[in-house]
């Protein structure tokens, strides 16, 4: 939260899906960081509501449970990024703003055969 505030974002937080819907309705964010798994639901459930309320909202999904299927669902639903925990707040900010130099570096380094099999 402090990193986002330091970078000039107005920040509102929510600890549950219900709370997130309430905050989104009141706050109308231009940017959102959603956890894939919330205590009372699935963060992806909030994406459509955010996009309907605020067309053009930039959403990043963060998760502790990385899977190709869930990342594809998130990106196809309109998320601008899908990051696996632990993730640095700076990386989330860069992804939200569309300037992630690490992604370009990763694209230049092919995955090992073990990683591809995994």
N, C-alpha and C. Protein backbone atom coordinates (compact mmCIF):
# COMPACT_ATOMS: atom_id res chain seq x y z
N UNK A 1 0.81 -1.18 0.00
CA UNK A 1 0.00 0.00 0.00
C UNK A 1 0.86 1.26 0.00
N UNK A 2 1.93 1.24 0.81
CA UNK A 2 2.81 2.41 0.88
C UNK A 2 3.50 2.66 -0.45
N UNK A 3 3.90 1.60 -1.13
CA UNK A 3 4.56 1.77 -2.43
C UNK A 3 3.62 2.43 -3.42
N UNK A 4 2.37 2.00 -3.45
CA UNK A 4 1.40 2.60 -4.36
C UNK A 4 1.17 4.07 -4.01
N UNK A 5 1.04 4.36 -2.73
CA UNK A 5 0.84 5.75 -2.31
C UNK A 5 2.05 6.60 -2.66
N UNK A 6 3.23 6.05 -2.45
CA UNK A 6 4.47 6.78 -2.79
C UNK A 6 4.54 7.09 -4.28
N UNK A 7 3.98 6.18 -5.08
CA UNK A 7 3.99 6.38 -6.53
C UNK A 7 2.81 7.22 -7.02
N UNK A 8 2.05 7.81 -6.09
CA UNK A 8 1.00 8.74 -6.47
C UNK A 8 -0.39 8.16 -6.62
N UNK A 9 -0.58 6.91 -6.26
CA UNK A 9 -1.91 6.30 -6.35
C UNK A 9 -2.72 6.64 -5.10
N UNK A 10 -4.02 6.87 -5.28
CA UNK A 10 -4.95 6.89 -4.15
C UNK A 10 -5.32 5.44 -3.93
N UNK A 11 -5.21 4.95 -2.70
CA UNK A 11 -5.35 3.53 -2.44
C UNK A 11 -6.57 3.24 -1.57
N UNK A 12 -7.32 2.24 -1.95
CA UNK A 12 -8.40 1.68 -1.14
C UNK A 12 -8.19 0.18 -1.12
N UNK A 13 -8.38 -0.44 0.02
CA UNK A 13 -8.15 -1.87 0.13
C UNK A 13 -9.42 -2.59 0.58
N UNK A 14 -9.45 -3.88 0.31
CA UNK A 14 -10.56 -4.73 0.73
C UNK A 14 -10.00 -6.10 1.07
N UNK A 15 -10.58 -6.73 2.06
CA UNK A 15 -10.11 -8.04 2.48
C UNK A 15 -10.96 -9.20 2.01
N UNK A 16 -12.07 -8.89 1.36
CA UNK A 16 -12.97 -9.95 0.89
C UNK A 16 -13.60 -9.51 -0.42
N UNK A 17 -14.24 -10.45 -1.08
CA UNK A 17 -14.89 -10.16 -2.35
C UNK A 17 -16.05 -9.18 -2.15
N UNK A 18 -16.84 -9.39 -1.11
CA UNK A 18 -17.96 -8.49 -0.82
C UNK A 18 -17.44 -7.08 -0.54
N UNK A 19 -16.43 -6.98 0.29
CA UNK A 19 -15.83 -5.68 0.61
C UNK A 19 -15.27 -5.02 -0.66
N UNK A 20 -14.65 -5.82 -1.53
CA UNK A 20 -14.07 -5.29 -2.77
C UNK A 20 -15.16 -4.72 -3.68
N UNK A 21 -16.31 -5.39 -3.76
CA UNK A 21 -17.42 -4.87 -4.56
C UNK A 21 -17.88 -3.52 -4.00
N UNK A 22 -17.98 -3.43 -2.68
CA UNK A 22 -18.40 -2.18 -2.04
C UNK A 22 -17.40 -1.06 -2.31
N UNK A 23 -16.11 -1.37 -2.15
CA UNK A 23 -15.06 -0.37 -2.37
C UNK A 23 -15.05 0.08 -3.83
N UNK A 24 -15.18 -0.89 -4.74
CA UNK A 24 -15.16 -0.56 -6.17
C UNK A 24 -16.33 0.34 -6.55
N UNK A 25 -17.50 0.08 -5.96
CA UNK A 25 -18.68 0.89 -6.25
C UNK A 25 -18.49 2.33 -5.78
N UNK A 26 -17.84 2.48 -4.63
CA UNK A 26 -17.62 3.81 -4.07
C UNK A 26 -16.42 4.52 -4.69
N UNK A 27 -15.37 3.77 -4.95
CA UNK A 27 -14.09 4.34 -5.34
C UNK A 27 -13.94 4.53 -6.85
N UNK A 28 -14.52 3.63 -7.66
CA UNK A 28 -14.39 3.73 -9.12
C UNK A 28 -12.96 3.79 -9.60
N UNK A 29 -12.16 2.74 -9.36
CA UNK A 29 -10.72 2.79 -9.64
C UNK A 29 -10.36 2.78 -11.12
N UNK A 30 -9.23 3.42 -11.42
CA UNK A 30 -8.62 3.32 -12.75
C UNK A 30 -7.71 2.11 -12.83
N UNK A 31 -7.23 1.66 -11.66
CA UNK A 31 -6.32 0.52 -11.55
C UNK A 31 -6.83 -0.37 -10.43
N UNK A 32 -6.60 -1.69 -10.58
CA UNK A 32 -6.98 -2.62 -9.53
C UNK A 32 -5.99 -3.77 -9.48
N UNK A 33 -5.68 -4.18 -8.27
CA UNK A 33 -4.86 -5.36 -8.04
C UNK A 33 -5.75 -6.34 -7.30
N UNK A 34 -6.02 -7.48 -7.93
CA UNK A 34 -6.93 -8.46 -7.36
C UNK A 34 -6.19 -9.75 -7.05
N UNK A 35 -6.43 -10.27 -5.86
CA UNK A 35 -5.90 -11.58 -5.52
C UNK A 35 -6.83 -12.62 -6.13
N UNK A 36 -6.27 -13.66 -6.67
CA UNK A 36 -7.08 -14.69 -7.32
C UNK A 36 -8.01 -15.37 -6.32
N UNK A 37 -7.51 -15.68 -5.13
CA UNK A 37 -8.32 -16.37 -4.13
C UNK A 37 -8.55 -15.46 -2.92
N UNK A 38 -9.81 -15.14 -2.71
CA UNK A 38 -10.20 -14.33 -1.56
C UNK A 38 -10.94 -15.22 -0.56
N UNK A 39 -11.09 -14.73 0.66
CA UNK A 39 -11.69 -15.57 1.68
C UNK A 39 -13.14 -15.97 1.37
N UNK A 40 -13.83 -15.16 0.60
CA UNK A 40 -15.23 -15.46 0.30
C UNK A 40 -15.52 -15.58 -1.19
N UNK A 41 -14.48 -15.80 -1.97
CA UNK A 41 -14.73 -15.95 -3.40
C UNK A 41 -13.46 -15.91 -4.22
N UNK A 42 -13.65 -15.59 -5.46
CA UNK A 42 -12.61 -15.67 -6.48
C UNK A 42 -12.44 -14.27 -7.05
N UNK A 43 -11.24 -13.71 -6.99
CA UNK A 43 -10.98 -12.36 -7.44
C UNK A 43 -11.41 -12.07 -8.86
N UNK A 44 -11.40 -13.10 -9.69
CA UNK A 44 -11.82 -12.92 -11.09
C UNK A 44 -13.29 -12.50 -11.18
N UNK A 45 -14.08 -12.85 -10.15
CA UNK A 45 -15.49 -12.49 -10.16
C UNK A 45 -15.68 -10.98 -10.16
N UNK A 46 -14.71 -10.25 -9.66
CA UNK A 46 -14.80 -8.80 -9.58
C UNK A 46 -14.42 -8.10 -10.88
N UNK A 47 -13.68 -8.80 -11.74
CA UNK A 47 -13.17 -8.17 -12.97
C UNK A 47 -14.27 -7.59 -13.84
N UNK A 48 -15.29 -8.37 -14.11
CA UNK A 48 -16.36 -7.90 -15.01
C UNK A 48 -17.07 -6.69 -14.41
N UNK A 49 -17.30 -6.71 -13.10
CA UNK A 49 -17.97 -5.58 -12.45
C UNK A 49 -17.10 -4.33 -12.54
N UNK A 50 -15.81 -4.48 -12.33
CA UNK A 50 -14.90 -3.33 -12.44
C UNK A 50 -14.88 -2.79 -13.86
N UNK A 51 -14.81 -3.68 -14.84
CA UNK A 51 -14.75 -3.26 -16.23
C UNK A 51 -16.05 -2.59 -16.67
N UNK A 52 -17.17 -3.04 -16.13
CA UNK A 52 -18.45 -2.44 -16.46
C UNK A 52 -18.57 -1.04 -15.84
N UNK A 53 -18.15 -0.94 -14.58
CA UNK A 53 -18.23 0.36 -13.89
C UNK A 53 -17.24 1.37 -14.44
N UNK A 54 -16.08 0.86 -14.84
CA UNK A 54 -15.00 1.76 -15.24
C UNK A 54 -14.30 1.19 -16.48
N UNK A 55 -14.86 1.39 -17.68
CA UNK A 55 -14.21 0.89 -18.88
C UNK A 55 -12.77 1.41 -18.96
N UNK A 56 -11.87 0.53 -19.32
CA UNK A 56 -10.46 0.89 -19.41
C UNK A 56 -9.68 0.68 -18.13
N UNK A 57 -10.35 0.20 -17.07
CA UNK A 57 -9.64 -0.07 -15.82
C UNK A 57 -8.52 -1.07 -16.11
N UNK A 58 -7.36 -0.83 -15.52
CA UNK A 58 -6.20 -1.73 -15.71
C UNK A 58 -6.11 -2.63 -14.49
N UNK A 59 -6.24 -3.93 -14.71
CA UNK A 59 -6.31 -4.90 -13.62
C UNK A 59 -5.13 -5.86 -13.69
N UNK A 60 -4.51 -6.07 -12.53
CA UNK A 60 -3.46 -7.07 -12.39
C UNK A 60 -3.96 -8.11 -11.40
N UNK A 61 -3.84 -9.36 -11.76
CA UNK A 61 -4.19 -10.47 -10.88
C UNK A 61 -2.91 -10.96 -10.23
N UNK A 62 -2.94 -11.17 -8.91
CA UNK A 62 -1.82 -11.78 -8.21
C UNK A 62 -2.32 -13.08 -7.57
N UNK A 63 -1.46 -14.06 -7.53
CA UNK A 63 -1.87 -15.35 -7.00
C UNK A 63 -0.69 -16.12 -6.42
N UNK A 64 -1.00 -16.99 -5.51
CA UNK A 64 -0.01 -17.92 -4.98
C UNK A 64 -0.10 -19.26 -5.68
N UNK A 65 -1.08 -19.41 -6.57
CA UNK A 65 -1.33 -20.68 -7.24
C UNK A 65 -1.21 -20.49 -8.74
N UNK A 66 -0.01 -20.52 -9.24
CA UNK A 66 0.24 -20.27 -10.65
C UNK A 66 -0.22 -21.45 -11.50
N UNK A 67 -0.97 -21.14 -12.53
CA UNK A 67 -1.30 -22.16 -13.52
C UNK A 67 -1.49 -21.47 -14.86
N UNK A 68 -1.17 -22.19 -15.90
CA UNK A 68 -1.32 -21.64 -17.24
C UNK A 68 -2.79 -21.36 -17.52
N UNK A 69 -3.66 -22.27 -17.11
CA UNK A 69 -5.09 -22.10 -17.37
C UNK A 69 -5.64 -20.83 -16.73
N UNK A 70 -5.32 -20.62 -15.45
CA UNK A 70 -5.87 -19.43 -14.78
C UNK A 70 -5.25 -18.15 -15.32
N UNK A 71 -3.99 -18.20 -15.72
CA UNK A 71 -3.38 -16.98 -16.29
C UNK A 71 -4.02 -16.65 -17.63
N UNK A 72 -4.32 -17.66 -18.45
CA UNK A 72 -4.98 -17.42 -19.73
C UNK A 72 -6.39 -16.87 -19.54
N UNK A 73 -7.12 -17.42 -18.57
CA UNK A 73 -8.47 -16.93 -18.28
C UNK A 73 -8.41 -15.46 -17.86
N UNK A 74 -7.46 -15.12 -16.98
CA UNK A 74 -7.33 -13.75 -16.50
C UNK A 74 -6.98 -12.79 -17.63
N UNK A 75 -6.03 -13.17 -18.45
CA UNK A 75 -5.60 -12.29 -19.54
C UNK A 75 -6.69 -12.15 -20.61
N UNK A 76 -7.38 -13.24 -20.91
CA UNK A 76 -8.45 -13.18 -21.90
C UNK A 76 -9.63 -12.35 -21.38
N UNK A 77 -9.81 -12.32 -20.05
CA UNK A 77 -10.90 -11.54 -19.45
C UNK A 77 -10.55 -10.05 -19.38
N UNK A 78 -9.30 -9.70 -19.68
CA UNK A 78 -8.94 -8.30 -19.73
C UNK A 78 -7.90 -7.84 -18.74
N UNK A 79 -7.35 -8.74 -17.94
CA UNK A 79 -6.28 -8.34 -17.02
C UNK A 79 -5.05 -7.93 -17.83
N UNK A 80 -4.33 -6.92 -17.36
CA UNK A 80 -3.12 -6.49 -18.05
C UNK A 80 -1.90 -7.23 -17.53
N UNK A 81 -2.08 -8.00 -16.47
CA UNK A 81 -0.97 -8.77 -15.93
C UNK A 81 -1.45 -9.85 -14.98
N UNK A 82 -0.62 -10.87 -14.83
CA UNK A 82 -0.89 -12.00 -13.96
C UNK A 82 0.43 -12.30 -13.28
N UNK A 83 0.54 -12.02 -12.00
CA UNK A 83 1.81 -12.14 -11.29
C UNK A 83 1.69 -13.16 -10.16
N UNK A 84 2.75 -13.93 -9.98
CA UNK A 84 2.77 -14.98 -8.97
C UNK A 84 3.49 -14.49 -7.72
N UNK A 85 2.86 -14.73 -6.58
CA UNK A 85 3.45 -14.36 -5.28
C UNK A 85 4.64 -15.26 -5.00
N UNK A 86 5.62 -14.81 -4.30
CA UNK A 86 5.75 -13.44 -3.81
C UNK A 86 6.10 -12.51 -4.96
N UNK A 87 5.52 -11.34 -4.93
CA UNK A 87 5.75 -10.36 -5.98
C UNK A 87 6.07 -9.02 -5.31
N UNK A 88 7.00 -8.31 -5.91
CA UNK A 88 7.36 -7.00 -5.37
C UNK A 88 6.31 -5.97 -5.78
N UNK A 89 6.00 -5.07 -4.87
CA UNK A 89 5.02 -4.02 -5.17
C UNK A 89 5.45 -3.21 -6.38
N UNK A 90 6.75 -3.00 -6.53
CA UNK A 90 7.25 -2.23 -7.67
C UNK A 90 6.91 -2.93 -8.99
N UNK A 91 6.96 -4.26 -9.00
CA UNK A 91 6.62 -5.01 -10.21
C UNK A 91 5.13 -4.88 -10.53
N UNK A 92 4.30 -4.84 -9.48
CA UNK A 92 2.87 -4.67 -9.70
C UNK A 92 2.61 -3.28 -10.30
N UNK A 93 3.25 -2.26 -9.76
CA UNK A 93 3.08 -0.90 -10.27
C UNK A 93 3.52 -0.83 -11.73
N UNK A 94 4.67 -1.39 -12.03
CA UNK A 94 5.17 -1.37 -13.41
C UNK A 94 4.21 -2.08 -14.35
N UNK A 95 3.66 -3.20 -13.91
CA UNK A 95 2.71 -3.93 -14.75
C UNK A 95 1.43 -3.14 -14.94
N UNK A 96 0.93 -2.53 -13.87
CA UNK A 96 -0.27 -1.70 -13.99
C UNK A 96 -0.08 -0.58 -14.99
N UNK A 97 1.11 0.00 -14.98
CA UNK A 97 1.39 1.14 -15.86
C UNK A 97 1.84 0.70 -17.25
N UNK A 98 1.99 -0.61 -17.45
CA UNK A 98 2.35 -1.11 -18.77
C UNK A 98 3.81 -0.96 -19.12
N UNK A 99 4.64 -0.86 -18.13
CA UNK A 99 6.08 -0.73 -18.40
C UNK A 99 6.85 -1.68 -17.50
N UNK A 100 6.94 -2.91 -17.97
CA UNK A 100 7.59 -3.95 -17.19
C UNK A 100 8.84 -4.43 -17.92
N UNK A 101 10.00 -3.82 -17.64
CA UNK A 101 11.22 -4.21 -18.33
C UNK A 101 11.65 -5.65 -18.05
N UNK A 102 11.28 -6.19 -16.87
CA UNK A 102 11.66 -7.58 -16.58
C UNK A 102 11.01 -8.54 -17.56
N UNK A 103 9.78 -8.24 -17.99
CA UNK A 103 9.09 -9.10 -18.94
C UNK A 103 9.88 -9.18 -20.24
N UNK A 104 10.44 -8.05 -20.67
CA UNK A 104 11.24 -8.04 -21.89
C UNK A 104 12.52 -8.84 -21.68
N UNK A 105 13.13 -8.72 -20.50
CA UNK A 105 14.33 -9.51 -20.21
C UNK A 105 14.00 -10.99 -20.22
N UNK A 106 12.86 -11.38 -19.62
CA UNK A 106 12.48 -12.78 -19.57
C UNK A 106 12.23 -13.34 -20.96
N UNK A 107 11.66 -12.52 -21.83
CA UNK A 107 11.38 -12.97 -23.19
C UNK A 107 12.66 -13.31 -23.94
N UNK A 108 13.76 -12.66 -23.57
CA UNK A 108 15.03 -12.92 -24.22
C UNK A 108 15.71 -14.19 -23.70
N UNK A 109 15.28 -14.65 -22.50
CA UNK A 109 15.88 -15.84 -21.90
C UNK A 109 14.92 -17.01 -22.04
N UNK A 110 15.23 -18.00 -22.84
CA UNK A 110 14.32 -19.14 -22.99
C UNK A 110 14.27 -19.96 -21.70
N UNK A 111 13.10 -20.61 -21.47
CA UNK A 111 12.95 -21.46 -20.30
C UNK A 111 13.75 -22.75 -20.49
N UNK A 112 14.20 -23.28 -19.37
CA UNK A 112 14.90 -24.56 -19.41
C UNK A 112 13.89 -25.67 -19.74
N UNK A 113 14.39 -26.80 -20.20
CA UNK A 113 13.52 -27.93 -20.51
C UNK A 113 12.78 -28.42 -19.26
N UNK A 114 13.44 -28.40 -18.10
CA UNK A 114 12.80 -28.79 -16.85
C UNK A 114 11.64 -27.87 -16.51
N UNK A 115 11.82 -26.58 -16.73
CA UNK A 115 10.76 -25.60 -16.44
C UNK A 115 9.59 -25.79 -17.40
N UNK A 116 9.87 -26.04 -18.66
CA UNK A 116 8.81 -26.27 -19.63
C UNK A 116 8.00 -27.51 -19.25
N UNK A 117 8.71 -28.60 -18.87
CA UNK A 117 8.02 -29.83 -18.45
C UNK A 117 7.18 -29.58 -17.23
N UNK A 118 7.69 -28.79 -16.28
CA UNK A 118 6.93 -28.48 -15.05
C UNK A 118 5.65 -27.79 -15.39
